[in-house]
PDB file of N, CA and C in Angstrom:
ATOM      1  N   UNK A   1     -20.392  56.266 -64.188  1.00  0.00           N
ATOM      2  CA  UNK A   1     -21.703  57.268 -63.145  1.00  0.00           C
ATOM      3  C   UNK A   1     -22.332  55.983 -62.761  1.00  0.00           C
ATOM      4  N   UNK A   2     -23.295  55.265 -62.117  1.00  0.00           N
ATOM      5  CA  UNK A   2     -24.161  54.321 -62.187  1.00  0.00           C
ATOM      6  C   UNK A   2     -25.279  55.081 -62.443  1.00  0.00           C
ATOM      7  N   UNK A   3     -26.211  54.084 -63.022  1.00  0.00           N
ATOM      8  CA  UNK A   3     -27.576  54.728 -63.376  1.00  0.00           C
ATOM      9  C   UNK A   3     -28.341  54.928 -62.299  1.00  0.00           C
ATOM     10  N   UNK A   4     -29.158  55.994 -61.923  1.00  0.00           N
ATOM     11  CA  UNK A   4     -29.638  56.194 -60.854  1.00  0.00           C
ATOM     12  C   UNK A   4     -31.022  55.051 -60.327  1.00  0.00           C
ATOM     13  N   UNK A   5     -31.376  54.545 -59.481  1.00  0.00           N
ATOM     14  CA  UNK A   5     -32.058  53.739 -59.414  1.00  0.00           C
ATOM     15  C   UNK A   5     -33.432  54.196 -58.015  1.00  0.00           C
ATOM     16  N   UNK A   6     -34.482  53.135 -58.416  1.00  0.00           N
ATOM     17  CA  UNK A   6     -35.557  53.297 -57.320  1.00  0.00           C
ATOM     18  C   UNK A   6     -35.424  51.881 -56.564  1.00  0.00           C
ATOM     19  N   UNK A   7     -35.675  52.122 -55.045  1.00  0.00           N
ATOM     20  CA  UNK A   7     -35.883  51.143 -54.424  1.00  0.00           C
ATOM     21  C   UNK A   7     -37.526  51.305 -53.822  1.00  0.00           C
ATOM     22  N   UNK A   8     -38.083  50.387 -54.105  1.00  0.00           N
ATOM     23  CA  UNK A   8     -40.029  50.402 -53.592  1.00  0.00           C
ATOM     24  C   UNK A   8     -39.902  48.781 -53.333  1.00  0.00           C
ATOM     25  N   UNK A   9     -40.915  49.237 -52.378  1.00  0.00           N
ATOM     26  CA  UNK A   9     -41.704  47.648 -51.599  1.00  0.00           C
ATOM     27  C   UNK A   9     -42.554  46.587 -53.280  1.00  0.00           C
ATOM     28  N   UNK A  10     -42.273  45.569 -53.017  1.00  0.00           N
ATOM     29  CA  UNK A  10     -43.119  44.540 -53.427  1.00  0.00           C
ATOM     30  C   UNK A  10     -43.291  43.292 -52.758  1.00  0.00           C
ATOM     31  N   UNK A  11     -44.513  42.991 -52.573  1.00  0.00           N
ATOM     32  CA  UNK A  11     -45.139  41.960 -52.040  1.00  0.00           C
ATOM     33  C   UNK A  11     -45.455  40.587 -52.933  1.00  0.00           C
ATOM     34  N   UNK A  12     -44.669  39.339 -52.275  1.00  0.00           N
ATOM     35  CA  UNK A  12     -44.767  38.216 -53.360  1.00  0.00           C
ATOM     36  C   UNK A  12     -45.572  38.151 -53.527  1.00  0.00           C
ATOM     37  N   UNK A  13     -46.157  37.093 -54.468  1.00  0.00           N
ATOM     38  CA  UNK A  13     -47.312  37.270 -55.006  1.00  0.00           C
ATOM     39  C   UNK A  13     -47.719  35.206 -54.718  1.00  0.00           C
ATOM     40  N   UNK A  14     -46.465  35.086 -54.022  1.00  0.00           N
ATOM     41  CA  UNK A  14     -46.272  33.569 -53.312  1.00  0.00           C
ATOM     42  C   UNK A  14     -46.565  33.022 -51.912  1.00  0.00           C
ATOM     43  N   UNK A  15     -46.445  34.163 -51.372  1.00  0.00           N
ATOM     44  CA  UNK A  15     -46.500  34.189 -49.815  1.00  0.00           C
ATOM     45  C   UNK A  15     -46.778  34.902 -49.275  1.00  0.00           C
ATOM     46  N   UNK A  16     -46.578  36.356 -49.906  1.00  0.00           N
ATOM     47  CA  UNK A  16     -47.187  38.101 -49.321  1.00  0.00           C
ATOM     48  C   UNK A  16     -46.455  38.630 -48.614  1.00  0.00           C
ATOM     49  N   UNK A  17     -45.156  37.995 -48.696  1.00  0.00           N
ATOM     50  CA  UNK A  17     -43.976  38.845 -48.249  1.00  0.00           C
ATOM     51  C   UNK A  17     -43.286  39.551 -47.999  1.00  0.00           C
ATOM     52  N   UNK A  18     -43.652  41.231 -47.596  1.00  0.00           N
ATOM     53  CA  UNK A  18     -42.990  42.123 -48.744  1.00  0.00           C
ATOM     54  C   UNK A  18     -41.418  42.668 -48.058  1.00  0.00           C
ATOM     55  N   UNK A  19     -41.057  42.496 -49.157  1.00  0.00           N
ATOM     56  CA  UNK A  19     -39.630  43.127 -49.311  1.00  0.00           C
ATOM     57  C   UNK A  19     -39.163  44.390 -50.562  1.00  0.00           C
ATOM     58  N   UNK A  20     -37.943  44.331 -50.608  1.00  0.00           N
ATOM     59  CA  UNK A  20     -37.382  45.841 -51.303  1.00  0.00           C
ATOM     60  C   UNK A  20     -36.838  45.224 -52.742  1.00  0.00           C
ATOM     61  N   UNK A  21     -37.109  45.966 -53.580  1.00  0.00           N
ATOM     62  CA  UNK A  21     -36.896  45.793 -54.696  1.00  0.00           C
ATOM     63  C   UNK A  21     -36.533  46.824 -55.630  1.00  0.00           C
ATOM     64  N   UNK A  22     -35.684  47.006 -56.803  1.00  0.00           N
ATOM     65  CA  UNK A  22     -34.624  47.956 -56.714  1.00  0.00           C
ATOM     66  C   UNK A  22     -34.608  47.894 -58.537  1.00  0.00           C
ATOM     67  N   UNK A  23     -35.005  48.792 -59.238  1.00  0.00           N
ATOM     68  CA  UNK A  23     -35.063  48.961 -60.413  1.00  0.00           C
ATOM     69  C   UNK A  23     -34.563  50.450 -61.334  1.00  0.00           C
ATOM     70  N   UNK A  24     -33.991  50.335 -62.249  1.00  0.00           N
ATOM     71  CA  UNK A  24     -33.686  51.913 -62.581  1.00  0.00           C
ATOM     72  C   UNK A  24     -34.659  52.604 -63.035  1.00  0.00           C
ATOM     73  N   UNK A  25     -34.251  54.237 -62.860  1.00  0.00           N
ATOM     74  CA  UNK A  25     -35.538  54.869 -62.661  1.00  0.00           C
ATOM     75  C   UNK A  25     -35.906  55.139 -64.121  1.00  0.00           C
ATOM     76  N   UNK A  26     -35.046  55.456 -64.674  1.00  0.00           N
ATOM     77  CA  UNK A  26     -35.675  55.310 -66.722  1.00  0.00           C
ATOM     78  C   UNK A  26     -35.893  54.191 -67.038  1.00  0.00           C
ATOM     79  N   UNK A  27     -35.736  53.025 -66.872  1.00  0.00           N
ATOM     80  CA  UNK A  27     -36.443  51.667 -67.279  1.00  0.00           C
ATOM     81  C   UNK A  27     -38.411  52.087 -66.443  1.00  0.00           C
ATOM     82  N   UNK A  28     -38.255  52.077 -65.262  1.00  0.00           N
ATOM     83  CA  UNK A  28     -39.557  52.191 -64.249  1.00  0.00           C
ATOM     84  C   UNK A  28     -40.430  53.120 -65.273  1.00  0.00           C
ATOM     85  N   UNK A  29     -39.813  54.628 -65.798  1.00  0.00           N
ATOM     86  CA  UNK A  29     -40.237  55.425 -66.622  1.00  0.00           C
ATOM     87  C   UNK A  29     -40.985  55.467 -68.020  1.00  0.00           C
ATOM     88  N   UNK A  30     -39.787  54.845 -68.501  1.00  0.00           N
ATOM     89  CA  UNK A  30     -40.076  53.975 -70.017  1.00  0.00           C
ATOM     90  C   UNK A  30     -41.423  53.560 -70.230  1.00  0.00           C
ATOM     91  N   UNK A  31     -41.321  52.157 -69.188  1.00  0.00           N
ATOM     92  CA  UNK A  31     -42.361  51.378 -69.197  1.00  0.00           C
ATOM     93  C   UNK A  31     -44.094  52.185 -68.769  1.00  0.00           C
ATOM     94  N   UNK A  32     -43.643  52.665 -67.829  1.00  0.00           N
ATOM     95  CA  UNK A  32     -45.135  53.685 -67.570  1.00  0.00           C
ATOM     96  C   UNK A  32     -45.420  54.334 -68.908  1.00  0.00           C
ATOM     97  N   UNK A  33     -44.454  54.873 -69.201  1.00  0.00           N
ATOM     98  CA  UNK A  33     -44.872  56.175 -70.341  1.00  0.00           C
ATOM     99  C   UNK A  33     -45.700  55.312 -71.500  1.00  0.00           C
ATOM    100  N   UNK A  34     -44.681  54.224 -71.854  1.00  0.00           N
ATOM    101  CA  UNK A  34     -45.517  53.815 -72.870  1.00  0.00           C
ATOM    102  C   UNK A  34     -46.229  52.064 -73.154  1.00  0.00           C
ATOM    103  N   UNK A  35     -46.628  51.891 -71.759  1.00  0.00           N
ATOM    104  CA  UNK A  35     -47.450  51.076 -71.339  1.00  0.00           C
ATOM    105  C   UNK A  35     -46.753  49.869 -71.393  1.00  0.00           C
ATOM    106  N   UNK A  36     -46.167  49.280 -71.293  1.00  0.00           N
ATOM    107  CA  UNK A  36     -45.021  48.077 -71.433  1.00  0.00           C
ATOM    108  C   UNK A  36     -45.159  47.913 -70.277  1.00  0.00           C
ATOM    109  N   UNK A  37     -45.101  46.034 -70.240  1.00  0.00           N
ATOM    110  CA  UNK A  37     -45.151  45.423 -68.765  1.00  0.00           C
ATOM    111  C   UNK A  37     -43.894  45.789 -68.244  1.00  0.00           C
ATOM    112  N   UNK A  38     -44.264  46.042 -66.487  1.00  0.00           N
ATOM    113  CA  UNK A  38     -43.386  46.305 -65.615  1.00  0.00           C
ATOM    114  C   UNK A  38     -43.095  44.587 -64.824  1.00  0.00           C
ATOM    115  N   UNK A  39     -41.584  44.380 -65.410  1.00  0.00           N
ATOM    116  CA  UNK A  39     -41.582  42.689 -64.618  1.00  0.00           C
ATOM    117  C   UNK A  39     -41.060  43.399 -62.815  1.00  0.00           C
ATOM    118  N   UNK A  40     -41.578  42.848 -62.328  1.00  0.00           N
ATOM    119  CA  UNK A  40     -41.275  42.935 -60.930  1.00  0.00           C
ATOM    120  C   UNK A  40     -40.181  41.695 -60.343  1.00  0.00           C
ATOM    121  N   UNK A  41     -39.980  41.213 -59.187  1.00  0.00           N
ATOM    122  CA  UNK A  41     -39.270  40.663 -58.936  1.00  0.00           C
ATOM    123  C   UNK A  41     -38.749  40.380 -57.109  1.00  0.00           C
ATOM    124  N   UNK A  42     -39.014  39.514 -56.437  1.00  0.00           N
ATOM    125  CA  UNK A  42     -39.345  39.208 -55.083  1.00  0.00           C
ATOM    126  C   UNK A  42     -38.388  37.823 -54.971  1.00  0.00           C
ATOM    127  N   UNK A  43     -37.212  38.219 -54.042  1.00  0.00           N
ATOM    128  CA  UNK A  43     -36.334  37.600 -53.543  1.00  0.00           C
ATOM    129  C   UNK A  43     -36.253  35.995 -52.888  1.00  0.00           C
ATOM    130  N   UNK A  44     -37.711  36.249 -52.010  1.00  0.00           N
ATOM    131  CA  UNK A  44     -38.004  35.071 -51.122  1.00  0.00           C
ATOM    132  C   UNK A  44     -38.224  33.642 -51.677  1.00  0.00           C
ATOM    133  N   UNK A  45     -38.781  34.073 -53.243  1.00  0.00           N
ATOM    134  CA  UNK A  45     -38.976  32.743 -54.061  1.00  0.00           C
ATOM    135  C   UNK A  45     -38.334  33.116 -55.214  1.00  0.00           C
ATOM    136  N   UNK A  46     -37.288  33.952 -55.484  1.00  0.00           N
ATOM    137  CA  UNK A  46     -36.777  33.774 -57.065  1.00  0.00           C
ATOM    138  C   UNK A  46     -37.851  33.858 -57.786  1.00  0.00           C
ATOM    139  N   UNK A  47     -39.295  34.841 -57.992  1.00  0.00           N
ATOM    140  CA  UNK A  47     -39.906  34.872 -58.727  1.00  0.00           C
ATOM    141  C   UNK A  47     -39.945  36.550 -58.853  1.00  0.00           C
ATOM    142  N   UNK A  48     -40.394  36.280 -60.522  1.00  0.00           N
ATOM    143  CA  UNK A  48     -41.018  37.483 -61.356  1.00  0.00           C
ATOM    144  C   UNK A  48     -42.115  37.493 -61.702  1.00  0.00           C
ATOM    145  N   UNK A  49     -42.645  38.564 -61.581  1.00  0.00           N
ATOM    146  CA  UNK A  49     -44.223  39.001 -62.344  1.00  0.00           C
ATOM    147  C   UNK A  49     -44.433  40.071 -63.155  1.00  0.00           C
ATOM    148  N   UNK A  50     -45.445  40.125 -63.661  1.00  0.00           N
ATOM    149  CA  UNK A  50     -45.530  41.580 -64.261  1.00  0.00           C
ATOM    150  C   UNK A  50     -46.934  42.161 -63.108  1.00  0.00           C
ATOM    151  N   UNK A  51     -46.055  43.474 -63.109  1.00  0.00           N
ATOM    152  CA  UNK A  51     -47.060  44.492 -62.064  1.00  0.00           C
ATOM    153  C   UNK A  51     -48.834  44.777 -62.660  1.00  0.00           C
ATOM    154  N   UNK A  52     -49.406  44.717 -61.268  1.00  0.00           N
ATOM    155  CA  UNK A  52     -50.452  45.229 -61.910  1.00  0.00           C
ATOM    156  C   UNK A  52     -51.115  46.407 -61.846  1.00  0.00           C
ATOM    157  N   UNK A  53     -52.013  46.652 -61.913  1.00  0.00           N
ATOM    158  CA  UNK A  53     -52.227  48.296 -62.308  1.00  0.00           C
ATOM    159  C   UNK A  53     -52.090  48.908 -60.980  1.00  0.00           C
ATOM    160  N   UNK A  54     -52.342  48.205 -60.118  1.00  0.00           N
ATOM    161  CA  UNK A  54     -52.158  48.913 -58.909  1.00  0.00           C
ATOM    162  C   UNK A  54     -50.306  49.374 -58.257  1.00  0.00           C
ATOM    163  N   UNK A  55     -50.185  48.631 -58.671  1.00  0.00           N
ATOM    164  CA  UNK A  55     -48.403  47.928 -58.623  1.00  0.00           C
ATOM    165  C   UNK A  55     -47.777  49.072 -59.293  1.00  0.00           C
ATOM    166  N   UNK A  56     -48.291  49.082 -60.661  1.00  0.00           N
ATOM    167  CA  UNK A  56     -47.631  50.761 -61.239  1.00  0.00           C
ATOM    168  C   UNK A  56     -48.498  51.930 -61.304  1.00  0.00           C
ATOM    169  N   UNK A  57     -49.433  51.920 -60.530  1.00  0.00           N
ATOM    170  CA  UNK A  57     -49.654  53.380 -59.959  1.00  0.00           C
ATOM    171  C   UNK A  57     -49.032  53.921 -58.826  1.00  0.00           C
ATOM    172  N   UNK A  58     -48.614  52.841 -58.013  1.00  0.00           N
ATOM    173  CA  UNK A  58     -47.843  53.329 -56.566  1.00  0.00           C
ATOM    174  C   UNK A  58     -46.504  53.244 -57.248  1.00  0.00           C
ATOM    175  N   UNK A  59     -45.841  52.737 -58.022  1.00  0.00           N
ATOM    176  CA  UNK A  59     -44.592  53.506 -58.759  1.00  0.00           C
ATOM    177  C   UNK A  59     -44.597  54.487 -59.358  1.00  0.00           C
ATOM    178  N   UNK A  60     -46.044  54.792 -60.001  1.00  0.00           N
ATOM    179  CA  UNK A  60     -45.845  56.374 -60.902  1.00  0.00           C
ATOM    180  C   UNK A  60     -46.111  56.830 -59.734  1.00  0.00           C
ATOM    181  N   UNK A  61     -47.086  56.878 -58.890  1.00  0.00           N
ATOM    182  CA  UNK A  61     -46.563  58.007 -57.567  1.00  0.00           C
ATOM    183  C   UNK A  61     -45.576  58.090 -57.072  1.00  0.00           C
ATOM    184  N   UNK A  62     -44.339  57.115 -56.505  1.00  0.00           N
ATOM    185  CA  UNK A  62     -43.050  56.745 -56.061  1.00  0.00           C
ATOM    186  C   UNK A  62     -42.282  58.112 -57.253  1.00  0.00           C
ATOM    187  N   UNK A  63     -42.328  58.214 -58.281  1.00  0.00           N
ATOM    188  CA  UNK A  63     -41.941  58.795 -59.211  1.00  0.00           C
ATOM    189  C   UNK A  63     -41.832  60.230 -59.147  1.00  0.00           C
ATOM    190  N   UNK A  64     -43.766  60.820 -58.764  1.00  0.00           N
ATOM    191  CA  UNK A  64     -44.006  62.081 -58.923  1.00  0.00           C
ATOM    192  C   UNK A  64     -43.785  62.239 -57.523  1.00  0.00           C
ATOM    193  N   UNK A  65     -43.563  61.625 -56.849  1.00  0.00           N
ATOM    194  CA  UNK A  65     -42.573  62.450 -55.373  1.00  0.00           C
ATOM    195  C   UNK A  65     -41.350  62.322 -55.805  1.00  0.00           C
ATOM    196  N   UNK A  66     -40.394  61.808 -56.094  1.00  0.00           N
ATOM    197  CA  UNK A  66     -38.771  61.806 -56.092  1.00  0.00           C
ATOM    198  C   UNK A  66     -38.605  62.981 -57.290  1.00  0.00           C
ATOM    199  N   UNK A  67     -40.063  63.592 -57.978  1.00  0.00           N
ATOM    200  CA  UNK A  67     -39.759  64.692 -58.754  1.00  0.00           C
ATOM    201  C   UNK A  67     -39.803  65.961 -57.894  1.00  0.00           C
ATOM    202  N   UNK A  68     -40.629  65.250 -57.050  1.00  0.00           N
ATOM    203  CA  UNK A  68     -41.106  66.920 -56.143  1.00  0.00           C
ATOM    204  C   UNK A  68     -40.461  67.322 -55.319  1.00  0.00           C
ATOM    205  N   UNK A  69     -39.576  65.875 -54.719  1.00  0.00           N
ATOM    206  CA  UNK A  69     -38.364  65.847 -53.802  1.00  0.00           C
ATOM    207  C   UNK A  69     -36.783  66.782 -54.046  1.00  0.00           C
ATOM    208  N   UNK A  70     -36.552  66.560 -56.016  1.00  0.00           N
ATOM    209  CA  UNK A  70     -35.965  66.683 -56.232  1.00  0.00           C
ATOM    210  C   UNK A  70     -36.070  68.220 -56.673  1.00  0.00           C
ATOM    211  N   UNK A  71     -37.377  68.609 -57.088  1.00  0.00           N
ATOM    212  CA  UNK A  71     -37.519  70.513 -57.322  1.00  0.00           C
ATOM    213  C   UNK A  71     -37.055  71.239 -55.970  1.00  0.00           C
ATOM    214  N   UNK A  72     -37.949  69.964 -54.792  1.00  0.00           N
ATOM    215  CA  UNK A  72     -37.351  70.769 -53.270  1.00  0.00           C
ATOM    216  C   UNK A  72     -35.889  71.222 -53.281  1.00  0.00           C
ATOM    217  N   UNK A  73     -35.304  70.324 -53.522  1.00  0.00           N
ATOM    218  CA  UNK A  73     -33.810  70.773 -52.885  1.00  0.00           C
ATOM    219  C   UNK A  73     -33.370  71.425 -54.340  1.00  0.00           C
ATOM    220  N   UNK A  74     -33.527  71.761 -55.030  1.00  0.00           N
ATOM    221  CA  UNK A  74     -33.053  72.733 -56.200  1.00  0.00           C
ATOM    222  C   UNK A  74     -33.256  73.645 -56.147  1.00  0.00           C
ATOM    223  N   UNK A  75     -34.769  74.202 -55.049  1.00  0.00           N
ATOM    224  CA  UNK A  75     -35.284  75.522 -55.038  1.00  0.00           C
ATOM    225  C   UNK A  75     -35.217  75.694 -53.318  1.00  0.00           C
ATOM    226  N   UNK A  76     -33.913  75.530 -52.462  1.00  0.00           N
ATOM    227  CA  UNK A  76     -34.250  75.526 -51.426  1.00  0.00           C
ATOM    228  C   UNK A  76     -35.166  77.059 -50.454  1.00  0.00           C
ATOM    229  N   UNK A  77     -35.555  76.490 -49.603  1.00  0.00           N
ATOM    230  CA  UNK A  77     -36.236  77.791 -48.754  1.00  0.00           C
ATOM    231  C   UNK A  77     -35.284  78.900 -48.669  1.00  0.00           C
ATOM    232  N   UNK A  78     -36.482  80.121 -48.820  1.00  0.00           N
ATOM    233  CA  UNK A  78     -36.086  81.613 -49.267  1.00  0.00           C
ATOM    234  C   UNK A  78     -35.825  81.711 -47.561  1.00  0.00           C
ATOM    235  N   UNK A  79     -34.598  82.538 -47.240  1.00  0.00           N
ATOM    236  CA  UNK A  79     -34.329  83.194 -46.345  1.00  0.00           C
ATOM    237  C   UNK A  79     -35.380  83.899 -45.623  1.00  0.00           C
ATOM    238  N   UNK A  80     -35.594  84.564 -44.017  1.00  0.00           N
ATOM    239  CA  UNK A  80     -36.734  85.416 -43.364  1.00  0.00           C
ATOM    240  C   UNK A  80     -36.500  86.630 -44.248  1.00  0.00           C
ATOM    241  N   UNK A  81     -35.797  87.270 -44.807  1.00  0.00           N
ATOM    242  CA  UNK A  81     -35.972  88.496 -45.373  1.00  0.00           C
ATOM    243  C   UNK A  81     -36.244  88.166 -46.896  1.00  0.00           C
ATOM    244  N   UNK A  82     -35.756  87.645 -47.713  1.00  0.00           N
ATOM    245  CA  UNK A  82     -36.661  87.134 -48.974  1.00  0.00           C
ATOM    246  C   UNK A  82     -38.204  86.635 -48.656  1.00  0.00           C
ATOM    247  N   UNK A  83     -38.516  85.912 -47.719  1.00  0.00           N
ATOM    248  CA  UNK A  83     -39.976  85.310 -47.458  1.00  0.00           C
ATOM    249  C   UNK A  83     -40.401  87.142 -47.296  1.00  0.00           C
ATOM    250  N   UNK A  84     -40.016  87.822 -46.355  1.00  0.00           N
ATOM    251  CA  UNK A  84     -40.779  89.191 -46.215  1.00  0.00           C
ATOM    252  C   UNK A  84     -40.885  89.800 -47.351  1.00  0.00           C
ATOM    253  N   UNK A  85     -39.803  89.790 -48.665  1.00  0.00           N
ATOM    254  CA  UNK A  85     -39.719  90.793 -49.830  1.00  0.00           C
ATOM    255  C   UNK A  85     -40.840  90.052 -51.203  1.00  0.00           C
ATOM    256  N   UNK A  86     -40.810  88.404 -50.488  1.00  0.00           N
ATOM    257  CA  UNK A  86     -42.261  87.752 -51.743  1.00  0.00           C
ATOM    258  C   UNK A  86     -43.324  88.342 -51.190  1.00  0.00           C
ATOM    259  N   UNK A  87     -43.744  88.192 -49.652  1.00  0.00           N
ATOM    260  CA  UNK A  87     -45.118  88.703 -49.810  1.00  0.00           C
ATOM    261  C   UNK A  87     -45.092  90.165 -49.311  1.00  0.00           C
ATOM    262  N   UNK A  88     -44.156  90.753 -49.349  1.00  0.00           N
ATOM    263  CA  UNK A  88     -44.603  92.630 -49.813  1.00  0.00           C
ATOM    264  C   UNK A  88     -45.036  92.772 -51.078  1.00  0.00           C
ATOM    265  N   UNK A  89     -44.181  92.019 -51.824  1.00  0.00           N
ATOM    266  CA  UNK A  89     -44.867  91.926 -53.365  1.00  0.00           C
ATOM    267  C   UNK A  89     -46.081  91.203 -53.606  1.00  0.00           C
ATOM    268  N   UNK A  90     -46.285  90.344 -53.017  1.00  0.00           N
ATOM    269  CA  UNK A  90     -47.941  89.579 -53.029  1.00  0.00           C
ATOM    270  C   UNK A  90     -48.825  90.258 -52.940  1.00  0.00           C
ATOM    271  N   UNK A  91     -48.669  91.159 -51.594  1.00  0.00           N
ATOM    272  CA  UNK A  91     -49.542  92.214 -50.858  1.00  0.00           C
ATOM    273  C   UNK A  91     -49.582  93.590 -51.890  1.00  0.00           C
ATOM    274  N   UNK A  92     -48.831  93.827 -52.618  1.00  0.00           N
ATOM    275  CA  UNK A  92     -49.214  94.726 -53.695  1.00  0.00           C
ATOM    276  C   UNK A  92     -49.677  94.309 -54.710  1.00  0.00           C
ATOM    277  N   UNK A  93     -49.580  92.828 -55.640  1.00  0.00           N
ATOM    278  CA  UNK A  93     -50.228  92.358 -56.530  1.00  0.00           C
ATOM    279  C   UNK A  93     -51.779  92.371 -56.104  1.00  0.00           C
ATOM    280  N   UNK A  94     -51.692  91.636 -55.347  1.00  0.00           N
ATOM    281  CA  UNK A  94     -53.069  91.582 -54.807  1.00  0.00           C
ATOM    282  C   UNK A  94     -53.646  92.972 -54.653  1.00  0.00           C
ATOM    283  N   UNK A  95     -53.136  93.990 -53.784  1.00  0.00           N
ATOM    284  CA  UNK A  95     -54.006  95.437 -54.338  1.00  0.00           C
ATOM    285  C   UNK A  95     -54.157  95.944 -55.806  1.00  0.00           C
ATOM    286  N   UNK A  96     -53.244  95.507 -56.300  1.00  0.00           N
ATOM    287  CA  UNK A  96     -53.627  96.056 -58.186  1.00  0.00           C
ATOM    288  C   UNK A  96     -54.473  95.339 -58.566  1.00  0.00           C
ATOM    289  N   UNK A  97     -54.625  94.482 -58.195  1.00  0.00           N
ATOM    290  CA  UNK A  97     -55.466  93.372 -58.762  1.00  0.00           C
ATOM    291  C   UNK A  97     -57.410  93.404 -58.319  1.00  0.00           C
ATOM    292  N   UNK A  98     -57.231  94.033 -57.098  1.00  0.00           N
ATOM    293  CA  UNK A  98     -58.579  94.414 -55.990  1.00  0.00           C
ATOM    294  C   UNK A  98     -58.601  96.005 -56.886  1.00  0.00           C
ATOM    295  N   UNK A  99     -58.173  96.388 -57.540  1.00  0.00           N
ATOM    296  CA  UNK A  99     -58.429  98.117 -57.594  1.00  0.00           C
ATOM    297  C   UNK A  99     -58.920  98.366 -59.010  1.00  0.00           C
TER     298      UNK A  99
END
């Protein structure tokens, strides 16, 4: 089974051309957690460079959004009946708390 990857945009430091790069999610997460450098790549000039603080933060936000999307898919939206039951339960809890 292939390792999951993240595709993200990079800006070439030589010509400022934006392109898509791809890296294994595990590598990105490990580098962000350990503080080790992340090497980015741009095809236009066949150039590698170390990600800046801003580039690292963008990758961190992408991983956070990816995690949120995954959780949303694992917890599908409730049916109208389930939503009504949950709302009724919340109203009862609110009434208990305010009493």
